PDB file of all heavy atoms in Angstrom:
ATOM      1  N   LYS A   1     117.738  81.639 110.539  1.00  0.00           N
ATOM      2  CA  LYS A   1     116.964  82.497 109.637  1.00  0.00           C
ATOM      3  C   LYS A   1     115.473  82.385 109.929  1.00  0.00           C
ATOM      4  O   LYS A   1     114.747  83.383 109.980  1.00  0.00           O
ATOM      5  CB  LYS A   1     117.248  82.113 108.184  1.00  0.00           C
ATOM      6  CG  LYS A   1     116.537  82.963 107.134  1.00  0.00           C
ATOM      7  CD  LYS A   1     116.994  82.567 105.729  1.00  0.00           C
ATOM      8  CE  LYS A   1     116.313  83.446 104.691  1.00  0.00           C
ATOM      9  NZ  LYS A   1     114.862  83.200 104.591  1.00  0.00           N
ATOM     10  N   LEU A   2     114.997  81.170 110.146  1.00  0.00           N
ATOM     11  CA  LEU A   2     113.568  80.941 110.417  1.00  0.00           C
ATOM     12  C   LEU A   2     113.150  81.562 111.753  1.00  0.00           C
ATOM     13  O   LEU A   2     112.119  82.237 111.836  1.00  0.00           O
ATOM     14  CB  LEU A   2     113.281  79.439 110.426  1.00  0.00           C
ATOM     15  CG  LEU A   2     113.363  78.736 109.063  1.00  0.00           C
ATOM     16  CD1 LEU A   2     113.432  77.219 109.252  1.00  0.00           C
ATOM     17  CD2 LEU A   2     112.162  79.110 108.191  1.00  0.00           C
ATOM     18  N   THR A   3     113.936  81.334 112.807  1.00  0.00           N
ATOM     19  CA  THR A   3     113.548  81.857 114.119  1.00  0.00           C
ATOM     20  C   THR A   3     113.683  83.379 114.181  1.00  0.00           C
ATOM     21  O   THR A   3     112.869  84.046 114.834  1.00  0.00           O
ATOM     22  CB  THR A   3     114.381  81.201 115.243  1.00  0.00           C
ATOM     23  OG1 THR A   3     115.771  81.376 114.973  1.00  0.00           O
ATOM     24  CG2 THR A   3     114.073  79.714 115.342  1.00  0.00           C
ATOM     25  N   ASN A   4     114.683  83.933 113.508  1.00  0.00           N
ATOM     26  CA  ASN A   4     114.821  85.389 113.485  1.00  0.00           C
ATOM     27  C   ASN A   4     113.684  86.053 112.719  1.00  0.00           C
ATOM     28  O   ASN A   4     113.179  87.105 113.129  1.00  0.00           O
ATOM     29  CB  ASN A   4     116.167  85.786 112.863  1.00  0.00           C
ATOM     30  CG  ASN A   4     117.330  85.531 113.803  1.00  0.00           C
ATOM     31  OD1 ASN A   4     117.172  85.541 115.022  1.00  0.00           O
ATOM     32  ND2 ASN A   4     118.503  85.282 113.246  1.00  0.00           N
ATOM     33  N   GLU A   5     113.278  85.442 111.625  1.00  0.00           N
ATOM     34  CA  GLU A   5     112.156  85.982 110.848  1.00  0.00           C
ATOM     35  C   GLU A   5     110.864  85.934 111.656  1.00  0.00           C
ATOM     36  O   GLU A   5     110.048  86.866 111.615  1.00  0.00           O
ATOM     37  CB  GLU A   5     111.997  85.201 109.540  1.00  0.00           C
ATOM     38  CG  GLU A   5     110.953  85.783 108.597  1.00  0.00           C
ATOM     39  CD  GLU A   5     110.836  85.020 107.277  1.00  0.00           C
ATOM     40  OE1 GLU A   5     111.764  84.255 106.944  1.00  0.00           O
ATOM     41  OE2 GLU A   5     109.797  85.179 106.603  1.00  0.00           O
ATOM     42  N   ALA A   6     110.689  84.865 112.449  1.00  0.00           N
ATOM     43  CA  ALA A   6     109.461  84.716 113.238  1.00  0.00           C
ATOM     44  C   ALA A   6     109.337  85.810 114.285  1.00  0.00           C
ATOM     45  O   ALA A   6     108.229  86.233 114.637  1.00  0.00           O
ATOM     46  CB  ALA A   6     109.434  83.342 113.902  1.00  0.00           C
ATOM     47  N   LYS A   7     110.463  86.305 114.791  1.00  0.00           N
ATOM     48  CA  LYS A   7     110.425  87.358 115.812  1.00  0.00           C
ATOM     49  C   LYS A   7     109.986  88.710 115.261  1.00  0.00           C
ATOM     50  O   LYS A   7     109.584  89.596 116.015  1.00  0.00           O
ATOM     51  CB  LYS A   7     111.799  87.493 116.472  1.00  0.00           C
ATOM     52  CG  LYS A   7     112.141  86.355 117.408  1.00  0.00           C
ATOM     53  CD  LYS A   7     113.346  86.664 118.266  1.00  0.00           C
ATOM     54  CE  LYS A   7     114.635  86.510 117.511  1.00  0.00           C
ATOM     55  NZ  LYS A   7     115.810  86.603 118.422  1.00  0.00           N
ATOM     56  N   LEU A   8     110.084  88.855 113.938  1.00  0.00           N
ATOM     57  CA  LEU A   8     109.727  90.133 113.324  1.00  0.00           C
ATOM     58  C   LEU A   8     108.233  90.250 113.052  1.00  0.00           C
ATOM     59  O   LEU A   8     107.737  91.335 112.736  1.00  0.00           O
ATOM     60  CB  LEU A   8     110.479  90.303 111.999  1.00  0.00           C
ATOM     61  CG  LEU A   8     112.005  90.307 112.064  1.00  0.00           C
ATOM     62  CD1 LEU A   8     112.588  90.369 110.660  1.00  0.00           C
ATOM     63  CD2 LEU A   8     112.497  91.488 112.898  1.00  0.00           C
ATOM     64  N   ILE A   9     107.514  89.129 113.182  1.00  0.00           N
ATOM     65  CA  ILE A   9     106.100  89.067 112.783  1.00  0.00           C
ATOM     66  C   ILE A   9     105.214  89.004 114.015  1.00  0.00           C
ATOM     67  O   ILE A   9     105.508  88.279 114.970  1.00  0.00           O
ATOM     68  CB  ILE A   9     105.857  87.819 111.899  1.00  0.00           C
ATOM     69  CG1 ILE A   9     106.754  87.870 110.655  1.00  0.00           C
ATOM     70  CG2 ILE A   9     104.391  87.716 111.490  1.00  0.00           C
ATOM     71  CD1 ILE A   9     106.782  86.570 109.871  1.00  0.00           C
ATOM     72  N   SER A  10     104.134  89.750 114.023  1.00  0.00           N
ATOM     73  CA  SER A  10     103.215  89.722 115.160  1.00  0.00           C
ATOM     74  C   SER A  10     102.091  88.706 114.979  1.00  0.00           C
ATOM     75  O   SER A  10     101.501  88.247 115.959  1.00  0.00           O
ATOM     76  CB  SER A  10     102.618  91.118 115.398  1.00  0.00           C
ATOM     77  OG  SER A  10     101.941  91.570 114.243  1.00  0.00           O
ATOM     78  N   ASP A  11     101.786  88.307 113.758  1.00  0.00           N
ATOM     79  CA  ASP A  11     100.696  87.361 113.485  1.00  0.00           C
ATOM     80  C   ASP A  11     101.113  85.954 113.922  1.00  0.00           C
ATOM     81  O   ASP A  11     102.074  85.376 113.396  1.00  0.00           O
ATOM     82  CB  ASP A  11     100.339  87.373 111.995  1.00  0.00           C
ATOM     83  CG  ASP A  11      99.172  86.456 111.679  1.00  0.00           C
ATOM     84  OD1 ASP A  11      98.014  86.894 111.819  1.00  0.00           O
ATOM     85  OD2 ASP A  11      99.416  85.290 111.316  1.00  0.00           O
ATOM     86  N   GLN A  12     100.357  85.397 114.898  1.00  0.00           N
ATOM     87  CA  GLN A  12     100.756  84.112 115.479  1.00  0.00           C
ATOM     88  C   GLN A  12     100.694  82.970 114.467  1.00  0.00           C
ATOM     89  O   GLN A  12     101.552  82.080 114.479  1.00  0.00           O
ATOM     90  CB  GLN A  12      99.890  83.786 116.701  1.00  0.00           C
ATOM     91  CG  GLN A  12     100.418  82.611 117.492  1.00  0.00           C
ATOM     92  CD  GLN A  12      99.666  82.379 118.789  1.00  0.00           C
ATOM     93  OE1 GLN A  12      98.893  81.434 118.911  1.00  0.00           O
ATOM     94  NE2 GLN A  12      99.887  83.258 119.764  1.00  0.00           N
ATOM     95  N   ALA A  13      99.731  82.986 113.563  1.00  0.00           N
ATOM     96  CA  ALA A  13      99.619  81.918 112.557  1.00  0.00           C
ATOM     97  C   ALA A  13     100.837  81.908 111.636  1.00  0.00           C
ATOM     98  O   ALA A  13     101.362  80.835 111.288  1.00  0.00           O
ATOM     99  CB  ALA A  13      98.339  82.096 111.752  1.00  0.00           C
ATOM    100  N   GLU A  14     101.297  83.088 111.249  1.00  0.00           N
ATOM    101  CA  GLU A  14     102.469  83.183 110.387  1.00  0.00           C
ATOM    102  C   GLU A  14     103.731  82.780 111.144  1.00  0.00           C
ATOM    103  O   GLU A  14     104.621  82.107 110.585  1.00  0.00           O
ATOM    104  CB  GLU A  14     102.611  84.609 109.837  1.00  0.00           C
ATOM    105  CG  GLU A  14     101.517  85.005 108.855  1.00  0.00           C
ATOM    106  CD  GLU A  14     101.455  84.066 107.659  1.00  0.00           C
ATOM    107  OE1 GLU A  14     102.516  83.787 107.055  1.00  0.00           O
ATOM    108  OE2 GLU A  14     100.344  83.595 107.338  1.00  0.00           O
ATOM    109  N   ARG A  15     103.820  83.172 112.394  1.00  0.00           N
ATOM    110  CA  ARG A  15     104.961  82.766 113.212  1.00  0.00           C
ATOM    111  C   ARG A  15     104.976  81.245 113.381  1.00  0.00           C
ATOM    112  O   ARG A  15     106.041  80.615 113.345  1.00  0.00           O
ATOM    113  CB  ARG A  15     104.914  83.436 114.586  1.00  0.00           C
ATOM    114  CG  ARG A  15     105.116  84.943 114.563  1.00  0.00           C
ATOM    115  CD  ARG A  15     105.103  85.504 115.989  1.00  0.00           C
ATOM    116  NE  ARG A  15     106.340  85.188 116.690  1.00  0.00           N
ATOM    117  CZ  ARG A  15     106.475  85.207 117.999  1.00  0.00           C
ATOM    118  NH1 ARG A  15     105.424  85.484 118.784  1.00  0.00           N
ATOM    119  NH2 ARG A  15     107.634  84.923 118.571  1.00  0.00           N
ATOM    120  N   THR A  16     103.805  80.647 113.553  1.00  0.00           N
ATOM    121  CA  THR A  16     103.708  79.199 113.721  1.00  0.00           C
ATOM    122  C   THR A  16     104.298  78.462 112.531  1.00  0.00           C
ATOM    123  O   THR A  16     105.032  77.475 112.695  1.00  0.00           O
ATOM    124  CB  THR A  16     102.245  78.787 113.940  1.00  0.00           C
ATOM    125  OG1 THR A  16     101.788  79.297 115.195  1.00  0.00           O
ATOM    126  CG2 THR A  16     102.094  77.270 113.940  1.00  0.00           C
ATOM    127  N   LYS A  17     104.014  78.929 111.319  1.00  0.00           N
ATOM    128  CA  LYS A  17     104.543  78.269 110.111  1.00  0.00           C
ATOM    129  C   LYS A  17     106.072  78.249 110.131  1.00  0.00           C
ATOM    130  O   LYS A  17     106.697  77.241 109.783  1.00  0.00           O
ATOM    131  CB  LYS A  17     104.050  79.003 108.858  1.00  0.00           C
ATOM    132  CG  LYS A  17     102.555  78.883 108.598  1.00  0.00           C
ATOM    133  CD  LYS A  17     102.149  79.720 107.387  1.00  0.00           C
ATOM    134  CE  LYS A  17     100.637  79.698 107.181  1.00  0.00           C
ATOM    135  NZ  LYS A  17     100.221  80.566 106.046  1.00  0.00           N
ATOM    136  N   LEU A  18     106.658  79.355 110.538  1.00  0.00           N
ATOM    137  CA  LEU A  18     108.113  79.436 110.581  1.00  0.00           C
ATOM    138  C   LEU A  18     108.695  78.561 111.694  1.00  0.00           C
ATOM    139  O   LEU A  18     109.720  77.886 111.496  1.00  0.00           O
ATOM    140  CB  LEU A  18     108.546  80.892 110.787  1.00  0.00           C
ATOM    141  CG  LEU A  18     108.211  81.840 109.620  1.00  0.00           C
ATOM    142  CD1 LEU A  18     108.376  83.287 110.042  1.00  0.00           C
ATOM    143  CD2 LEU A  18     109.090  81.524 108.412  1.00  0.00           C
ATOM    144  N   TYR A  19     108.019  78.527 112.839  1.00  0.00           N
ATOM    145  CA  TYR A  19     108.517  77.709 113.940  1.00  0.00           C
ATOM    146  C   TYR A  19     108.375  76.213 113.637  1.00  0.00           C
ATOM    147  O   TYR A  19     109.206  75.409 114.066  1.00  0.00           O
ATOM    148  CB  TYR A  19     107.798  78.067 115.242  1.00  0.00           C
ATOM    149  CG  TYR A  19     108.247  79.387 115.835  1.00  0.00           C
ATOM    150  CD1 TYR A  19     107.339  80.281 116.378  1.00  0.00           C
ATOM    151  CD2 TYR A  19     109.597  79.730 115.867  1.00  0.00           C
ATOM    152  CE1 TYR A  19     107.750  81.492 116.939  1.00  0.00           C
ATOM    153  CE2 TYR A  19     110.023  80.930 116.415  1.00  0.00           C
ATOM    154  CZ  TYR A  19     109.090  81.812 116.947  1.00  0.00           C
ATOM    155  OH  TYR A  19     109.510  83.010 117.489  1.00  0.00           O
ATOM    156  N   VAL A  20     107.359  75.833 112.900  1.00  0.00           N
ATOM    157  CA  VAL A  20     107.220  74.431 112.489  1.00  0.00           C
ATOM    158  C   VAL A  20     108.385  74.042 111.581  1.00  0.00           C
ATOM    159  O   VAL A  20     108.988  72.968 111.732  1.00  0.00           O
ATOM    160  CB  VAL A  20     105.865  74.203 111.785  1.00  0.00           C
ATOM    161  CG1 VAL A  20     105.862  72.869 111.040  1.00  0.00           C
ATOM    162  CG2 VAL A  20     104.726  74.230 112.802  1.00  0.00           C
ATOM    163  N   GLN A  21     108.738  74.926 110.658  1.00  0.00           N
ATOM    164  CA  GLN A  21     109.883  74.647 109.785  1.00  0.00           C
ATOM    165  C   GLN A  21     111.178  74.553 110.593  1.00  0.00           C
ATOM    166  O   GLN A  21     112.031  73.705 110.309  1.00  0.00           O
ATOM    167  CB  GLN A  21     110.014  75.739 108.731  1.00  0.00           C
ATOM    168  CG  GLN A  21     108.895  75.770 107.701  1.00  0.00           C
ATOM    169  CD  GLN A  21     109.062  76.934 106.736  1.00  0.00           C
ATOM    170  OE1 GLN A  21     110.090  77.065 106.069  1.00  0.00           O
ATOM    171  NE2 GLN A  21     108.063  77.801 106.671  1.00  0.00           N
ATOM    172  N   ALA A  22     111.305  75.410 111.586  1.00  0.00           N
ATOM    173  CA  ALA A  22     112.498  75.362 112.441  1.00  0.00           C
ATOM    174  C   ALA A  22     112.586  74.036 113.188  1.00  0.00           C
ATOM    175  O   ALA A  22     113.680  73.462 113.338  1.00  0.00           O
ATOM    176  CB  ALA A  22     112.483  76.529 113.420  1.00  0.00           C
ATOM    177  N   GLN A  23     111.454  73.539 113.653  1.00  0.00           N
ATOM    178  CA  GLN A  23     111.442  72.244 114.341  1.00  0.00           C
ATOM    179  C   GLN A  23     111.831  71.114 113.399  1.00  0.00           C
ATOM    180  O   GLN A  23     112.481  70.138 113.811  1.00  0.00           O
ATOM    181  CB  GLN A  23     110.052  71.983 114.944  1.00  0.00           C
ATOM    182  CG  GLN A  23     109.742  72.870 116.139  1.00  0.00           C
ATOM    183  CD  GLN A  23     108.292  72.774 116.564  1.00  0.00           C
ATOM    184  OE1 GLN A  23     107.884  71.820 117.217  1.00  0.00           O
ATOM    185  NE2 GLN A  23     107.497  73.790 116.206  1.00  0.00           N
ATOM    186  N   GLU A  24     111.468  71.231 112.122  1.00  0.00           N
ATOM    187  CA  GLU A  24     111.851  70.226 111.131  1.00  0.00           C
ATOM    188  C   GLU A  24     113.365  70.210 110.934  1.00  0.00           C
ATOM    189  O   GLU A  24     113.986  69.146 110.860  1.00  0.00           O
ATOM    190  CB  GLU A  24     111.132  70.500 109.802  1.00  0.00           C
ATOM    191  CG  GLU A  24     109.637  70.254 109.862  1.00  0.00           C
ATOM    192  CD  GLU A  24     108.895  70.769 108.630  1.00  0.00           C
ATOM    193  OE1 GLU A  24     109.545  71.436 107.783  1.00  0.00           O
ATOM    194  OE2 GLU A  24     107.678  70.526 108.518  1.00  0.00           O
ATOM    195  N   VAL A  25     113.965  71.402 110.864  1.00  0.00           N
ATOM    196  CA  VAL A  25     115.421  71.490 110.737  1.00  0.00           C
ATOM    197  C   VAL A  25     116.094  70.877 111.962  1.00  0.00           C
ATOM    198  O   VAL A  25     117.051  70.099 111.850  1.00  0.00           O
ATOM    199  CB  VAL A  25     115.867  72.961 110.563  1.00  0.00           C
ATOM    200  CG1 VAL A  25     117.391  73.062 110.600  1.00  0.00           C
ATOM    201  CG2 VAL A  25     115.312  73.543 109.272  1.00  0.00           C
ATOM    202  N   PHE A  26     115.583  71.214 113.141  1.00  0.00           N
ATOM    203  CA  PHE A  26     116.123  70.665 114.381  1.00  0.00           C
ATOM    204  C   PHE A  26     116.099  69.138 114.353  1.00  0.00           C
ATOM    205  O   PHE A  26     117.094  68.481 114.701  1.00  0.00           O
ATOM    206  CB  PHE A  26     115.315  71.177 115.573  1.00  0.00           C
ATOM    207  CG  PHE A  26     115.604  70.459 116.868  1.00  0.00           C
ATOM    208  CD1 PHE A  26     116.630  70.872 117.705  1.00  0.00           C
ATOM    209  CD2 PHE A  26     114.852  69.347 117.247  1.00  0.00           C
ATOM    210  CE1 PHE A  26     116.908  70.200 118.880  1.00  0.00           C
ATOM    211  CE2 PHE A  26     115.121  68.667 118.423  1.00  0.00           C
ATOM    212  CZ  PHE A  26     116.151  69.099 119.244  1.00  0.00           C
ATOM    213  N   LYS A  27     114.984  68.571 113.930  1.00  0.00           N
ATOM    214  CA  LYS A  27     114.857  67.111 113.952  1.00  0.00           C
ATOM    215  C   LYS A  27     115.798  66.455 112.951  1.00  0.00           C
ATOM    216  O   LYS A  27     116.365  65.387 113.220  1.00  0.00           O
ATOM    217  CB  LYS A  27     113.400  66.711 113.669  1.00  0.00           C
ATOM    218  CG  LYS A  27     113.050  65.325 114.210  1.00  0.00           C
ATOM    219  CD  LYS A  27     113.150  65.299 115.728  1.00  0.00           C
ATOM    220  CE  LYS A  27     112.903  63.925 116.308  1.00  0.00           C
ATOM    221  NZ  LYS A  27     113.063  63.914 117.776  1.00  0.00           N
ATOM    222  N   GLN A  28     115.996  67.102 111.800  1.00  0.00           N
ATOM    223  CA  GLN A  28     116.911  66.557 110.797  1.00  0.00           C
ATOM    224  C   GLN A  28     118.354  66.579 111.289  1.00  0.00           C
ATOM    225  O   GLN A  28     119.127  65.659 111.040  1.00  0.00           O
ATOM    226  CB  GLN A  28     116.799  67.375 109.507  1.00  0.00           C
ATOM    227  CG  GLN A  28     115.485  67.210 108.763  1.00  0.00           C
ATOM    228  CD  GLN A  28     115.245  68.351 107.773  1.00  0.00           C
ATOM    229  OE1 GLN A  28     116.134  69.158 107.501  1.00  0.00           O
ATOM    230  NE2 GLN A  28     114.044  68.411 107.220  1.00  0.00           N
ATOM    231  N   GLU A  29     118.712  67.641 112.010  1.00  0.00           N
ATOM    232  CA  GLU A  29     120.104  67.841 112.397  1.00  0.00           C
ATOM    233  C   GLU A  29     120.450  67.224 113.747  1.00  0.00           C
ATOM    234  O   GLU A  29     121.617  66.936 114.029  1.00  0.00           O
ATOM    235  CB  GLU A  29     120.426  69.340 112.416  1.00  0.00           C
ATOM    236  CG  GLU A  29     120.344  69.993 111.045  1.00  0.00           C
ATOM    237  CD  GLU A  29     121.369  69.417 110.079  1.00  0.00           C
ATOM    238  OE1 GLU A  29     122.520  69.186 110.502  1.00  0.00           O
ATOM    239  OE2 GLU A  29     121.004  69.178 108.913  1.00  0.00           O
ATOM    240  N   ALA A  30     119.465  67.058 114.620  1.00  0.00           N
ATOM    241  CA  ALA A  30     119.622  66.339 115.900  1.00  0.00           C
ATOM    242  C   ALA A  30     120.764  66.846 116.783  1.00  0.00           C
ATOM    243  O   ALA A  30     121.623  66.070 117.215  1.00  0.00           O
ATOM    244  CB  ALA A  30     119.775  64.845 115.648  1.00  0.00           C
ATOM    245  N   PRO A  31     120.797  68.128 117.120  1.00  0.00           N
ATOM    246  CA  PRO A  31     121.810  68.585 118.074  1.00  0.00           C
ATOM    247  C   PRO A  31     121.572  68.047 119.487  1.00  0.00           C
ATOM    248  O   PRO A  31     122.488  68.018 120.306  1.00  0.00           O
ATOM    249  CB  PRO A  31     121.670  70.107 118.025  1.00  0.00           C
ATOM    250  CG  PRO A  31     120.251  70.345 117.605  1.00  0.00           C
ATOM    251  CD  PRO A  31     119.931  69.233 116.659  1.00  0.00           C
ATOM    252  N   TRP A  32     120.328  67.678 119.769  1.00  0.00           N
ATOM    253  CA  TRP A  32     119.956  67.059 121.038  1.00  0.00           C
ATOM    254  C   TRP A  32     119.335  65.697 120.784  1.00  0.00           C
ATOM    255  O   TRP A  32     118.796  65.417 119.702  1.00  0.00           O
ATOM    256  CB  TRP A  32     118.847  67.833 121.750  1.00  0.00           C
ATOM    257  CG  TRP A  32     119.041  69.211 122.170  1.00  0.00           C
ATOM    258  CD1 TRP A  32     120.187  69.948 122.211  1.00  0.00           C
ATOM    259  CD2 TRP A  32     117.980  70.069 122.631  1.00  0.00           C
ATOM    260  NE1 TRP A  32     119.917  71.204 122.681  1.00  0.00           N
ATOM    261  CE2 TRP A  32     118.572  71.311 122.942  1.00  0.00           C
ATOM    262  CE3 TRP A  32     116.605  69.914 122.820  1.00  0.00           C
ATOM    263  CZ2 TRP A  32     117.825  72.388 123.417  1.00  0.00           C
ATOM    264  CZ3 TRP A  32     115.871  70.972 123.307  1.00  0.00           C
ATOM    265  CH2 TRP A  32     116.469  72.203 123.598  1.00  0.00           C
TER     266      TRP A  32
END
């Protein structure tokens, strides 16, 4: 949901906020 929403937005600052949240989810879940 976070990464798909980020693709819809052209403003880099707003996209950054969503990608930071996505990285937090990644770190919590640890698929890698």
